[in-house]
N, C-alpha and C. Protein backbone atom coordinates (compact mmCIF):
# COMPACT_ATOMS: atom_id res chain seq x y z
N MET A 1 15.84 -7.83 5.42
CA MET A 1 14.45 -7.45 5.61
C MET A 1 13.50 -8.65 5.54
N THR A 2 14.06 -9.83 5.40
CA THR A 2 13.23 -11.01 5.24
C THR A 2 12.32 -11.23 6.43
N GLY A 3 11.03 -11.37 6.15
CA GLY A 3 10.06 -11.70 7.19
C GLY A 3 9.77 -10.60 8.18
N GLN A 4 10.19 -9.39 7.90
CA GLN A 4 9.98 -8.31 8.86
C GLN A 4 8.56 -7.77 8.79
N LYS A 5 8.13 -7.18 9.92
CA LYS A 5 6.85 -6.49 10.01
C LYS A 5 7.15 -5.00 10.06
N ILE A 6 6.67 -4.28 9.04
CA ILE A 6 7.05 -2.88 8.87
C ILE A 6 5.82 -2.00 8.89
N GLY A 7 5.80 -1.03 9.80
CA GLY A 7 4.72 -0.05 9.85
C GLY A 7 5.02 1.11 8.93
N LEU A 8 3.99 1.64 8.29
CA LEU A 8 4.12 2.76 7.36
C LEU A 8 3.24 3.90 7.86
N LEU A 9 3.87 4.99 8.28
CA LEU A 9 3.12 6.13 8.82
C LEU A 9 3.31 7.33 7.92
N GLY A 10 2.29 7.61 7.11
CA GLY A 10 2.35 8.76 6.22
C GLY A 10 1.70 9.98 6.84
N GLY A 11 1.97 11.13 6.27
CA GLY A 11 1.36 12.36 6.77
C GLY A 11 2.13 13.56 6.27
N THR A 12 1.56 14.72 6.51
CA THR A 12 2.24 15.96 6.13
C THR A 12 3.38 16.27 7.10
N PHE A 13 3.16 15.99 8.38
CA PHE A 13 4.18 16.22 9.41
C PHE A 13 4.69 17.66 9.35
N ASP A 14 3.77 18.59 9.54
CA ASP A 14 4.09 20.01 9.36
C ASP A 14 3.72 20.84 10.60
N PRO A 15 4.45 20.63 11.73
CA PRO A 15 5.61 19.77 11.90
C PRO A 15 5.25 18.43 12.56
N VAL A 16 6.20 17.51 12.58
CA VAL A 16 6.05 16.26 13.34
C VAL A 16 5.97 16.60 14.82
N HIS A 17 5.09 15.92 15.57
CA HIS A 17 4.93 16.21 17.00
C HIS A 17 4.88 14.91 17.81
N TYR A 18 4.77 15.05 19.12
CA TYR A 18 4.82 13.88 20.00
C TYR A 18 3.66 12.91 19.73
N GLY A 19 2.52 13.41 19.28
CA GLY A 19 1.42 12.51 18.95
C GLY A 19 1.81 11.51 17.87
N HIS A 20 2.53 11.99 16.83
CA HIS A 20 3.01 11.10 15.78
C HIS A 20 3.98 10.06 16.34
N LEU A 21 4.88 10.51 17.18
CA LEU A 21 5.89 9.61 17.74
C LEU A 21 5.25 8.57 18.67
N GLN A 22 4.25 8.99 19.43
CA GLN A 22 3.55 8.05 20.31
C GLN A 22 2.79 7.00 19.51
N PHE A 23 2.23 7.40 18.39
CA PHE A 23 1.54 6.47 17.49
C PHE A 23 2.53 5.39 17.03
N ALA A 24 3.71 5.82 16.60
CA ALA A 24 4.73 4.88 16.14
C ALA A 24 5.18 3.94 17.26
N GLU A 25 5.38 4.50 18.44
CA GLU A 25 5.81 3.68 19.58
C GLU A 25 4.76 2.64 19.95
N ALA A 26 3.48 3.04 19.93
CA ALA A 26 2.40 2.11 20.25
C ALA A 26 2.35 0.98 19.23
N ALA A 27 2.53 1.30 17.96
CA ALA A 27 2.50 0.27 16.92
C ALA A 27 3.67 -0.69 17.06
N LEU A 28 4.84 -0.17 17.36
CA LEU A 28 6.01 -1.03 17.56
C LEU A 28 5.78 -2.03 18.68
N GLN A 29 5.22 -1.54 19.78
CA GLN A 29 5.05 -2.38 20.97
C GLN A 29 3.88 -3.34 20.85
N GLU A 30 2.71 -2.83 20.47
CA GLU A 30 1.51 -3.66 20.48
C GLU A 30 1.48 -4.69 19.35
N CYS A 31 2.01 -4.32 18.21
CA CYS A 31 1.99 -5.23 17.05
C CYS A 31 3.34 -5.88 16.80
N ARG A 32 4.30 -5.59 17.67
CA ARG A 32 5.64 -6.18 17.57
C ARG A 32 6.24 -5.96 16.19
N LEU A 33 6.15 -4.73 15.73
CA LEU A 33 6.76 -4.39 14.46
C LEU A 33 8.27 -4.33 14.60
N ASP A 34 8.95 -4.56 13.50
CA ASP A 34 10.41 -4.43 13.51
C ASP A 34 10.82 -2.97 13.38
N ARG A 35 10.00 -2.19 12.68
CA ARG A 35 10.28 -0.76 12.54
C ARG A 35 9.06 -0.03 12.01
N VAL A 36 9.07 1.27 12.20
CA VAL A 36 8.05 2.15 11.62
C VAL A 36 8.76 3.10 10.67
N VAL A 37 8.26 3.17 9.45
CA VAL A 37 8.83 4.05 8.44
C VAL A 37 7.91 5.26 8.27
N PHE A 38 8.44 6.45 8.52
CA PHE A 38 7.69 7.69 8.34
C PHE A 38 7.77 8.11 6.87
N LEU A 39 6.61 8.44 6.30
CA LEU A 39 6.52 8.77 4.89
C LEU A 39 5.93 10.18 4.73
N PRO A 40 6.76 11.20 4.70
CA PRO A 40 6.22 12.56 4.52
C PRO A 40 5.60 12.71 3.14
N SER A 41 4.40 13.29 3.11
CA SER A 41 3.70 13.51 1.85
C SER A 41 4.35 14.65 1.07
N ALA A 42 4.48 14.45 -0.23
CA ALA A 42 5.03 15.52 -1.06
C ALA A 42 3.94 16.51 -1.43
N GLU A 43 2.80 15.99 -1.87
CA GLU A 43 1.66 16.84 -2.23
C GLU A 43 0.38 16.08 -1.89
N PRO A 44 -0.04 16.11 -0.63
CA PRO A 44 -1.21 15.34 -0.21
C PRO A 44 -2.49 15.84 -0.87
N PRO A 45 -3.29 14.95 -1.48
CA PRO A 45 -4.49 15.40 -2.19
C PRO A 45 -5.53 16.03 -1.29
N HIS A 46 -5.58 15.64 0.00
CA HIS A 46 -6.60 16.18 0.90
C HIS A 46 -6.34 17.61 1.31
N LYS A 47 -5.14 18.13 1.00
CA LYS A 47 -4.83 19.52 1.37
C LYS A 47 -5.46 20.53 0.41
N ASN A 48 -5.89 20.05 -0.77
CA ASN A 48 -6.60 20.90 -1.72
C ASN A 48 -5.86 22.19 -2.05
N GLY A 49 -4.56 22.08 -2.26
CA GLY A 49 -3.79 23.24 -2.66
C GLY A 49 -3.37 24.16 -1.53
N ALA A 50 -3.66 23.77 -0.28
CA ALA A 50 -3.26 24.61 0.85
C ALA A 50 -1.74 24.66 0.96
N ALA A 51 -1.24 25.77 1.49
CA ALA A 51 0.20 25.94 1.62
C ALA A 51 0.76 24.98 2.65
N ILE A 52 1.88 24.36 2.34
CA ILE A 52 2.58 23.50 3.28
C ILE A 52 4.07 23.85 3.26
N THR A 53 4.75 23.50 4.32
CA THR A 53 6.18 23.76 4.41
C THR A 53 6.93 22.86 3.42
N SER A 54 8.03 23.35 2.90
CA SER A 54 8.76 22.61 1.87
C SER A 54 9.13 21.21 2.36
N PHE A 55 9.16 20.28 1.43
CA PHE A 55 9.42 18.87 1.74
C PHE A 55 10.73 18.70 2.49
N ARG A 56 11.77 19.43 2.08
CA ARG A 56 13.09 19.24 2.69
C ARG A 56 13.07 19.57 4.18
N HIS A 57 12.31 20.59 4.57
CA HIS A 57 12.23 20.94 5.99
C HIS A 57 11.44 19.90 6.77
N ARG A 58 10.34 19.44 6.22
CA ARG A 58 9.52 18.46 6.93
C ARG A 58 10.27 17.13 7.08
N LEU A 59 11.01 16.75 6.05
CA LEU A 59 11.83 15.53 6.14
C LEU A 59 12.94 15.70 7.17
N ALA A 60 13.59 16.85 7.17
CA ALA A 60 14.67 17.10 8.14
C ALA A 60 14.16 17.03 9.57
N MET A 61 12.97 17.58 9.83
CA MET A 61 12.40 17.53 11.18
C MET A 61 12.07 16.09 11.59
N LEU A 62 11.58 15.30 10.63
CA LEU A 62 11.29 13.89 10.93
C LEU A 62 12.56 13.13 11.30
N ILE A 63 13.62 13.38 10.56
CA ILE A 63 14.90 12.70 10.85
C ILE A 63 15.38 13.08 12.24
N LEU A 64 15.29 14.35 12.60
CA LEU A 64 15.70 14.79 13.93
C LEU A 64 14.83 14.17 15.02
N ALA A 65 13.52 14.10 14.78
CA ALA A 65 12.60 13.54 15.78
C ALA A 65 12.85 12.06 16.02
N GLY A 66 13.34 11.36 14.99
CA GLY A 66 13.57 9.93 15.12
C GLY A 66 14.94 9.55 15.65
N GLN A 67 15.80 10.54 15.83
CA GLN A 67 17.14 10.24 16.34
C GLN A 67 17.07 9.59 17.72
N ASN A 68 17.89 8.57 17.91
CA ASN A 68 17.99 7.86 19.19
C ASN A 68 16.69 7.16 19.58
N ARG A 69 15.82 6.91 18.62
CA ARG A 69 14.59 6.14 18.87
C ARG A 69 14.68 4.86 18.06
N HIS A 70 14.74 3.74 18.75
CA HIS A 70 14.92 2.45 18.08
C HIS A 70 13.71 2.12 17.21
N GLY A 71 13.97 1.69 15.99
CA GLY A 71 12.91 1.25 15.10
C GLY A 71 12.24 2.34 14.29
N PHE A 72 12.77 3.57 14.36
CA PHE A 72 12.20 4.68 13.58
C PHE A 72 13.05 4.93 12.34
N GLU A 73 12.38 5.07 11.18
CA GLU A 73 13.07 5.40 9.94
C GLU A 73 12.25 6.43 9.17
N CYS A 74 12.89 7.06 8.18
CA CYS A 74 12.20 7.97 7.26
C CYS A 74 12.45 7.50 5.84
N ASN A 75 11.46 7.72 4.98
CA ASN A 75 11.60 7.38 3.58
C ASN A 75 11.02 8.53 2.75
N ALA A 76 11.82 9.07 1.84
CA ALA A 76 11.42 10.24 1.05
C ALA A 76 10.86 9.85 -0.31
N ILE A 77 10.27 8.66 -0.41
CA ILE A 77 9.83 8.12 -1.70
C ILE A 77 8.83 9.03 -2.41
N GLU A 78 7.96 9.71 -1.65
CA GLU A 78 6.93 10.51 -2.31
C GLU A 78 7.48 11.75 -3.01
N GLU A 79 8.70 12.12 -2.67
CA GLU A 79 9.30 13.28 -3.33
C GLU A 79 9.49 13.03 -4.82
N ARG A 80 9.73 11.76 -5.20
CA ARG A 80 10.00 11.45 -6.61
C ARG A 80 8.81 10.83 -7.34
N LEU A 81 7.70 10.58 -6.64
CA LEU A 81 6.53 10.00 -7.27
C LEU A 81 5.68 11.08 -7.92
N PRO A 82 4.81 10.71 -8.89
CA PRO A 82 3.91 11.69 -9.50
C PRO A 82 3.03 12.36 -8.46
N LYS A 83 2.67 13.60 -8.71
CA LYS A 83 1.84 14.38 -7.79
C LYS A 83 0.40 14.44 -8.32
N PRO A 84 -0.60 14.48 -7.45
CA PRO A 84 -0.52 14.44 -5.98
C PRO A 84 -0.13 13.06 -5.46
N SER A 85 0.15 12.97 -4.16
CA SER A 85 0.66 11.76 -3.54
C SER A 85 -0.49 10.88 -3.05
N TYR A 86 -0.91 9.93 -3.88
CA TYR A 86 -1.97 9.02 -3.47
C TYR A 86 -1.38 7.81 -2.75
N THR A 87 -2.05 7.38 -1.68
CA THR A 87 -1.55 6.29 -0.86
C THR A 87 -1.32 5.02 -1.67
N ILE A 88 -2.25 4.67 -2.54
CA ILE A 88 -2.11 3.41 -3.29
C ILE A 88 -0.86 3.43 -4.16
N ASP A 89 -0.51 4.58 -4.74
CA ASP A 89 0.68 4.66 -5.57
C ASP A 89 1.95 4.50 -4.74
N THR A 90 1.95 5.11 -3.57
CA THR A 90 3.10 4.97 -2.66
C THR A 90 3.26 3.53 -2.22
N LEU A 91 2.16 2.88 -1.86
CA LEU A 91 2.22 1.49 -1.42
C LEU A 91 2.75 0.57 -2.51
N ARG A 92 2.34 0.79 -3.74
CA ARG A 92 2.82 -0.05 -4.85
C ARG A 92 4.32 0.07 -5.01
N GLU A 93 4.83 1.30 -4.87
CA GLU A 93 6.28 1.49 -4.99
C GLU A 93 7.02 0.85 -3.82
N LEU A 94 6.46 0.97 -2.63
CA LEU A 94 7.11 0.39 -1.46
C LEU A 94 7.12 -1.14 -1.53
N GLN A 95 6.08 -1.73 -2.08
CA GLN A 95 6.03 -3.19 -2.20
C GLN A 95 7.09 -3.70 -3.18
N LYS A 96 7.48 -2.87 -4.12
CA LYS A 96 8.59 -3.24 -5.01
C LYS A 96 9.92 -3.20 -4.26
N HIS A 97 10.00 -2.30 -3.29
CA HIS A 97 11.25 -2.08 -2.56
C HIS A 97 11.50 -3.16 -1.51
N TYR A 98 10.44 -3.53 -0.76
CA TYR A 98 10.62 -4.49 0.31
C TYR A 98 10.46 -5.91 -0.19
N GLN A 99 11.02 -6.84 0.54
CA GLN A 99 10.94 -8.24 0.17
C GLN A 99 9.50 -8.72 0.18
N VAL A 100 9.22 -9.74 -0.63
CA VAL A 100 7.86 -10.25 -0.77
C VAL A 100 7.30 -10.73 0.55
N ASP A 101 8.14 -11.34 1.39
CA ASP A 101 7.63 -11.90 2.64
C ASP A 101 7.60 -10.90 3.79
N CYS A 102 7.89 -9.62 3.53
CA CYS A 102 7.68 -8.58 4.54
C CYS A 102 6.18 -8.31 4.66
N ARG A 103 5.74 -8.07 5.88
CA ARG A 103 4.34 -7.71 6.10
C ARG A 103 4.27 -6.21 6.37
N LEU A 104 3.48 -5.52 5.56
CA LEU A 104 3.37 -4.07 5.68
C LEU A 104 2.10 -3.71 6.43
N TYR A 105 2.22 -2.72 7.34
CA TYR A 105 1.11 -2.25 8.16
C TYR A 105 0.94 -0.75 7.94
N PHE A 106 -0.14 -0.38 7.28
CA PHE A 106 -0.40 1.03 7.03
C PHE A 106 -1.07 1.64 8.24
N MET A 107 -0.49 2.72 8.76
CA MET A 107 -0.93 3.32 10.01
C MET A 107 -1.72 4.60 9.75
N ILE A 108 -2.85 4.76 10.44
CA ILE A 108 -3.73 5.88 10.18
C ILE A 108 -4.57 6.20 11.42
N GLY A 109 -4.88 7.48 11.62
CA GLY A 109 -5.76 7.88 12.71
C GLY A 109 -7.20 7.57 12.37
N ALA A 110 -8.02 7.36 13.39
CA ALA A 110 -9.42 6.98 13.18
C ALA A 110 -10.18 8.05 12.39
N ASP A 111 -9.94 9.33 12.67
CA ASP A 111 -10.65 10.39 11.97
C ASP A 111 -10.38 10.35 10.47
N ALA A 112 -9.12 10.14 10.10
CA ALA A 112 -8.76 10.07 8.69
C ALA A 112 -9.35 8.82 8.04
N PHE A 113 -9.39 7.72 8.80
CA PHE A 113 -9.91 6.47 8.25
C PHE A 113 -11.41 6.56 7.94
N LEU A 114 -12.11 7.44 8.63
CA LEU A 114 -13.54 7.59 8.37
C LEU A 114 -13.81 8.09 6.95
N ASP A 115 -12.82 8.71 6.32
CA ASP A 115 -12.95 9.17 4.94
C ASP A 115 -12.41 8.15 3.94
N PHE A 116 -12.15 6.94 4.40
CA PHE A 116 -11.45 5.94 3.60
C PHE A 116 -12.17 5.61 2.30
N LEU A 117 -13.48 5.63 2.30
CA LEU A 117 -14.24 5.28 1.10
C LEU A 117 -14.01 6.27 -0.03
N THR A 118 -13.52 7.46 0.28
CA THR A 118 -13.25 8.46 -0.76
C THR A 118 -11.84 8.33 -1.33
N TRP A 119 -11.03 7.45 -0.75
CA TRP A 119 -9.64 7.32 -1.19
C TRP A 119 -9.56 6.61 -2.54
N LYS A 120 -8.56 6.97 -3.31
CA LYS A 120 -8.30 6.30 -4.58
C LYS A 120 -7.97 4.83 -4.33
N SER A 121 -8.69 3.92 -5.04
CA SER A 121 -8.42 2.47 -5.00
C SER A 121 -8.40 1.93 -3.57
N HIS A 122 -9.39 2.33 -2.75
CA HIS A 122 -9.36 1.93 -1.34
C HIS A 122 -9.48 0.42 -1.16
N GLN A 123 -10.20 -0.27 -2.05
CA GLN A 123 -10.31 -1.72 -1.94
C GLN A 123 -8.95 -2.39 -2.17
N GLN A 124 -8.17 -1.84 -3.08
CA GLN A 124 -6.84 -2.39 -3.33
C GLN A 124 -5.91 -2.16 -2.14
N ILE A 125 -6.10 -1.05 -1.45
CA ILE A 125 -5.30 -0.81 -0.25
C ILE A 125 -5.60 -1.87 0.79
N LEU A 126 -6.87 -2.20 0.99
CA LEU A 126 -7.26 -3.22 1.97
C LEU A 126 -6.69 -4.58 1.62
N GLN A 127 -6.49 -4.85 0.35
CA GLN A 127 -5.94 -6.13 -0.08
C GLN A 127 -4.41 -6.15 -0.03
N SER A 128 -3.81 -4.97 0.01
CA SER A 128 -2.35 -4.87 -0.08
C SER A 128 -1.65 -4.90 1.26
N VAL A 129 -2.26 -4.28 2.27
CA VAL A 129 -1.57 -4.09 3.55
C VAL A 129 -2.52 -4.29 4.73
N ASN A 130 -1.95 -4.67 5.86
CA ASN A 130 -2.68 -4.60 7.11
C ASN A 130 -2.84 -3.12 7.48
N ILE A 131 -3.84 -2.82 8.27
CA ILE A 131 -4.06 -1.43 8.68
C ILE A 131 -4.07 -1.33 10.19
N LEU A 132 -3.37 -0.35 10.72
CA LEU A 132 -3.34 -0.05 12.16
C LEU A 132 -4.02 1.28 12.38
N ILE A 133 -5.04 1.30 13.22
CA ILE A 133 -5.81 2.51 13.47
C ILE A 133 -5.56 3.00 14.89
N ALA A 134 -5.27 4.28 15.03
CA ALA A 134 -5.11 4.91 16.35
C ALA A 134 -6.34 5.75 16.66
N LEU A 135 -6.89 5.58 17.85
CA LEU A 135 -8.03 6.37 18.29
C LEU A 135 -7.55 7.64 18.99
N ARG A 136 -8.44 8.61 19.11
CA ARG A 136 -8.19 9.79 19.94
C ARG A 136 -8.81 9.56 21.32
N LYS A 137 -8.31 10.26 22.31
CA LYS A 137 -8.87 10.15 23.64
C LYS A 137 -10.31 10.64 23.63
N GLY A 138 -11.21 9.84 24.21
CA GLY A 138 -12.62 10.19 24.25
C GLY A 138 -13.34 9.94 22.94
N TYR A 139 -12.69 9.24 22.00
CA TYR A 139 -13.27 9.02 20.67
C TYR A 139 -14.46 8.05 20.75
N ASN A 140 -15.52 8.39 20.04
CA ASN A 140 -16.69 7.50 19.95
C ASN A 140 -16.46 6.52 18.80
N VAL A 141 -16.39 5.24 19.10
CA VAL A 141 -16.01 4.25 18.10
C VAL A 141 -17.19 3.78 17.25
N ASP A 142 -18.39 4.29 17.50
CA ASP A 142 -19.57 3.79 16.78
C ASP A 142 -19.44 3.98 15.27
N ARG A 143 -19.01 5.17 14.84
CA ARG A 143 -18.89 5.43 13.39
C ARG A 143 -17.80 4.55 12.77
N LEU A 144 -16.72 4.36 13.52
CA LEU A 144 -15.64 3.50 13.02
C LEU A 144 -16.12 2.06 12.89
N THR A 145 -16.83 1.57 13.90
CA THR A 145 -17.35 0.21 13.86
C THR A 145 -18.29 0.02 12.67
N LEU A 146 -19.17 1.00 12.44
CA LEU A 146 -20.10 0.91 11.32
C LEU A 146 -19.36 0.86 9.99
N LEU A 147 -18.31 1.67 9.84
CA LEU A 147 -17.54 1.67 8.61
C LEU A 147 -16.86 0.32 8.40
N LEU A 148 -16.25 -0.23 9.44
CA LEU A 148 -15.59 -1.53 9.33
C LEU A 148 -16.57 -2.61 8.91
N GLU A 149 -17.76 -2.57 9.48
CA GLU A 149 -18.78 -3.55 9.12
C GLU A 149 -19.22 -3.38 7.68
N ASN A 150 -19.37 -2.12 7.23
CA ASN A 150 -19.75 -1.86 5.84
C ASN A 150 -18.68 -2.31 4.85
N LEU A 151 -17.44 -2.33 5.30
CA LEU A 151 -16.33 -2.79 4.46
C LEU A 151 -16.22 -4.32 4.46
N GLY A 152 -17.09 -4.99 5.24
CA GLY A 152 -17.10 -6.44 5.27
C GLY A 152 -16.27 -7.06 6.37
N TYR A 153 -15.86 -6.26 7.37
CA TYR A 153 -15.01 -6.76 8.44
C TYR A 153 -15.84 -7.18 9.66
N LYS A 154 -15.29 -8.15 10.38
CA LYS A 154 -15.90 -8.62 11.62
C LYS A 154 -14.82 -8.72 12.70
N PRO A 155 -15.19 -8.42 13.96
CA PRO A 155 -14.20 -8.55 15.04
C PRO A 155 -13.76 -10.00 15.20
N ASN A 156 -12.45 -10.19 15.40
CA ASN A 156 -11.91 -11.54 15.50
C ASN A 156 -10.65 -11.54 16.34
N ASP A 157 -10.79 -11.93 17.61
CA ASP A 157 -9.65 -12.11 18.51
C ASP A 157 -8.77 -10.85 18.58
N GLY A 158 -9.40 -9.72 18.84
CA GLY A 158 -8.64 -8.49 19.05
C GLY A 158 -8.37 -7.69 17.80
N SER A 159 -8.76 -8.19 16.63
CA SER A 159 -8.58 -7.44 15.40
C SER A 159 -9.85 -7.58 14.56
N TRP A 160 -9.83 -7.03 13.36
CA TRP A 160 -10.96 -7.14 12.44
C TRP A 160 -10.50 -7.86 11.19
N THR A 161 -11.27 -8.85 10.76
CA THR A 161 -10.89 -9.63 9.60
C THR A 161 -12.04 -9.66 8.58
N ALA A 162 -11.67 -9.94 7.33
CA ALA A 162 -12.66 -10.01 6.26
C ALA A 162 -12.16 -10.99 5.20
N GLY A 163 -13.05 -11.41 4.33
CA GLY A 163 -12.67 -12.28 3.22
C GLY A 163 -12.25 -11.46 2.02
N GLU A 164 -12.40 -12.02 0.84
CA GLU A 164 -12.11 -11.35 -0.42
C GLU A 164 -10.66 -10.89 -0.51
N GLY A 165 -9.76 -11.60 0.15
CA GLY A 165 -8.34 -11.27 0.06
C GLY A 165 -7.92 -10.04 0.84
N LYS A 166 -8.80 -9.51 1.68
CA LYS A 166 -8.45 -8.31 2.44
C LYS A 166 -7.57 -8.66 3.63
N GLN A 167 -6.64 -7.78 3.93
CA GLN A 167 -5.76 -7.95 5.08
C GLN A 167 -6.49 -7.53 6.36
N ASP A 168 -5.87 -7.79 7.50
CA ASP A 168 -6.50 -7.49 8.79
C ASP A 168 -6.41 -6.01 9.13
N ILE A 169 -7.33 -5.58 9.98
CA ILE A 169 -7.32 -4.22 10.52
C ILE A 169 -7.22 -4.32 12.04
N HIS A 170 -6.30 -3.57 12.62
CA HIS A 170 -6.07 -3.58 14.06
C HIS A 170 -6.32 -2.19 14.64
N ILE A 171 -6.97 -2.13 15.77
CA ILE A 171 -7.17 -0.86 16.48
C ILE A 171 -6.26 -0.88 17.71
N LEU A 172 -5.34 0.07 17.77
CA LEU A 172 -4.37 0.11 18.86
C LEU A 172 -5.04 0.44 20.19
N LYS A 173 -4.56 -0.17 21.25
CA LYS A 173 -5.10 0.08 22.58
C LYS A 173 -4.59 1.40 23.14
N ARG A 174 -3.34 1.69 22.88
CA ARG A 174 -2.75 2.94 23.38
C ARG A 174 -3.22 4.10 22.53
N THR A 175 -3.61 5.19 23.18
CA THR A 175 -4.13 6.36 22.48
C THR A 175 -3.09 7.48 22.49
N PRO A 176 -2.58 7.89 21.33
CA PRO A 176 -1.60 8.99 21.30
C PRO A 176 -2.23 10.31 21.74
N ASP A 177 -1.39 11.22 22.19
CA ASP A 177 -1.88 12.56 22.54
C ASP A 177 -2.48 13.22 21.29
N ASP A 178 -3.57 13.94 21.50
CA ASP A 178 -4.31 14.53 20.40
C ASP A 178 -3.78 15.92 20.07
N HIS A 179 -2.57 15.97 19.52
CA HIS A 179 -1.98 17.25 19.13
C HIS A 179 -2.39 17.60 17.71
N SER A 180 -2.34 18.88 17.40
CA SER A 180 -2.68 19.38 16.08
C SER A 180 -1.51 20.17 15.51
N SER A 181 -1.02 19.74 14.35
CA SER A 181 0.09 20.47 13.74
C SER A 181 -0.29 21.91 13.42
N SER A 182 -1.53 22.13 12.96
CA SER A 182 -1.95 23.49 12.63
C SER A 182 -1.98 24.37 13.87
N ALA A 183 -2.46 23.82 14.99
CA ALA A 183 -2.49 24.59 16.24
C ALA A 183 -1.07 24.90 16.71
N ILE A 184 -0.17 23.94 16.54
CA ILE A 184 1.22 24.15 16.94
C ILE A 184 1.86 25.25 16.08
N ARG A 185 1.56 25.24 14.79
CA ARG A 185 2.10 26.30 13.91
C ARG A 185 1.62 27.68 14.38
N THR A 186 0.35 27.76 14.75
CA THR A 186 -0.19 29.03 15.23
C THR A 186 0.51 29.48 16.50
N MET A 187 0.75 28.54 17.41
CA MET A 187 1.44 28.86 18.65
C MET A 187 2.84 29.38 18.38
N ILE A 188 3.54 28.74 17.45
CA ILE A 188 4.90 29.19 17.13
C ILE A 188 4.87 30.60 16.54
N GLU A 189 3.91 30.86 15.67
CA GLU A 189 3.80 32.19 15.05
C GLU A 189 3.55 33.27 16.11
N LYS A 190 2.81 32.90 17.17
CA LYS A 190 2.50 33.85 18.23
C LYS A 190 3.59 33.91 19.31
N GLY A 191 4.61 33.05 19.16
CA GLY A 191 5.69 33.05 20.14
C GLY A 191 5.41 32.27 21.40
N ALA A 192 4.37 31.44 21.40
CA ALA A 192 4.02 30.64 22.57
C ALA A 192 4.95 29.42 22.67
N PRO A 193 5.24 28.94 23.88
CA PRO A 193 6.11 27.77 24.04
C PRO A 193 5.44 26.50 23.52
N VAL A 194 6.22 25.64 22.87
CA VAL A 194 5.68 24.40 22.29
C VAL A 194 6.49 23.17 22.72
N ASP A 195 7.26 23.32 23.82
CA ASP A 195 8.10 22.20 24.24
C ASP A 195 7.30 20.99 24.71
N ARG A 196 6.01 21.18 25.03
CA ARG A 196 5.17 20.05 25.42
C ARG A 196 4.73 19.22 24.22
N PHE A 197 4.91 19.77 23.02
CA PHE A 197 4.38 19.14 21.82
C PHE A 197 5.47 18.63 20.87
N LEU A 198 6.65 19.23 20.93
CA LEU A 198 7.69 18.91 19.95
C LEU A 198 9.00 18.53 20.64
N PRO A 199 9.77 17.59 20.05
CA PRO A 199 11.10 17.30 20.57
C PRO A 199 12.00 18.53 20.49
N GLU A 200 12.94 18.61 21.39
CA GLU A 200 13.82 19.78 21.45
C GLU A 200 14.57 20.00 20.14
N ALA A 201 15.02 18.91 19.51
CA ALA A 201 15.77 19.04 18.26
C ALA A 201 14.91 19.65 17.16
N VAL A 202 13.63 19.33 17.16
CA VAL A 202 12.71 19.89 16.16
C VAL A 202 12.48 21.37 16.43
N ILE A 203 12.32 21.73 17.70
CA ILE A 203 12.15 23.14 18.06
C ILE A 203 13.37 23.95 17.63
N ASP A 204 14.56 23.42 17.90
CA ASP A 204 15.79 24.12 17.51
C ASP A 204 15.86 24.31 15.99
N TYR A 205 15.43 23.28 15.25
CA TYR A 205 15.46 23.38 13.78
C TYR A 205 14.49 24.46 13.30
N ILE A 206 13.30 24.50 13.91
CA ILE A 206 12.30 25.50 13.53
C ILE A 206 12.83 26.91 13.79
N ARG A 207 13.48 27.09 14.95
CA ARG A 207 14.04 28.40 15.28
C ARG A 207 15.16 28.77 14.32
N LYS A 208 16.05 27.83 14.05
CA LYS A 208 17.20 28.10 13.19
C LYS A 208 16.76 28.50 11.79
N ASN A 209 15.70 27.85 11.29
CA ASN A 209 15.25 28.09 9.92
C ASN A 209 14.06 29.05 9.84
N LYS A 210 13.69 29.60 11.02
CA LYS A 210 12.61 30.60 11.09
C LYS A 210 11.32 30.11 10.42
N LEU A 211 10.95 28.87 10.73
CA LEU A 211 9.73 28.29 10.14
C LEU A 211 8.49 28.77 10.89
N TYR A 212 7.38 28.75 10.18
CA TYR A 212 6.06 29.06 10.74
C TYR A 212 5.91 30.52 11.20
N HIS A 213 6.63 31.38 10.51
CA HIS A 213 6.43 32.82 10.70
C HIS A 213 5.90 33.36 9.38
N ALA A 214 4.98 34.26 9.45
CA ALA A 214 4.26 34.72 8.26
C ALA A 214 5.19 35.25 7.16
N ALA A 215 6.31 35.82 7.55
CA ALA A 215 7.17 36.47 6.55
C ALA A 215 8.35 35.62 6.11
N ASN A 216 8.39 34.33 6.52
CA ASN A 216 9.59 33.56 6.21
C ASN A 216 9.62 32.99 4.81
N GLY A 217 8.44 32.91 4.15
CA GLY A 217 8.41 32.44 2.77
C GLY A 217 8.60 30.96 2.60
N GLU A 218 8.61 30.17 3.67
CA GLU A 218 8.88 28.74 3.56
C GLU A 218 7.64 27.90 3.34
N ARG A 219 6.47 28.42 3.73
CA ARG A 219 5.24 27.66 3.48
C ARG A 219 4.76 27.96 2.07
N THR A 220 4.70 26.94 1.24
CA THR A 220 4.43 27.13 -0.16
C THR A 220 3.21 26.34 -0.59
N THR A 221 2.56 26.79 -1.64
CA THR A 221 1.46 26.06 -2.24
C THR A 221 2.02 25.09 -3.26
N PRO A 222 1.70 23.78 -3.17
CA PRO A 222 2.27 22.80 -4.11
C PRO A 222 1.95 23.18 -5.54
């Protein structure tokens, strides 16, 4: 792992969809990462106690979605960390795992990044890892630009840089499809086709385990 560039893509992934996979592919190509590690959340604080599918199912779907895709990995680290799953705590554990000279890139959608100031220890996150931001199609970047400037960043040769020991922030050129896991769950519950949104292996797993049906008992409150 010496000297590798590793992307870290966290999320609930309930379920993982093509938008997530496109985000990973764009990061691999544009930033020349060696791999992207998917980090399913065990108990995301932003869900505020909302029901989510069990960790084992979400992890299994991620593993299936990453099959035969070069540079994709999964890491179940948050399953054993204290709950709720705060990003800074996960990053600290991952930095113990990877070599010192590995460069870590935390990956996040622009909408989620707009709430960054509310995150636990957000300044420490900026000092710990590079950040890769994915935009949505038709996204207005004005609010994002204002936030970056308020955080002390300035545009610099295709990325954003700042002093005070902060790592760089990159905005990806490629825009992933704007899929919604909640909308996909609703479609599955209604029996609508979702092959445009999910890999076939993930669809088969959902059918086999009867996920996202009101009476299946698999969506639980943390």
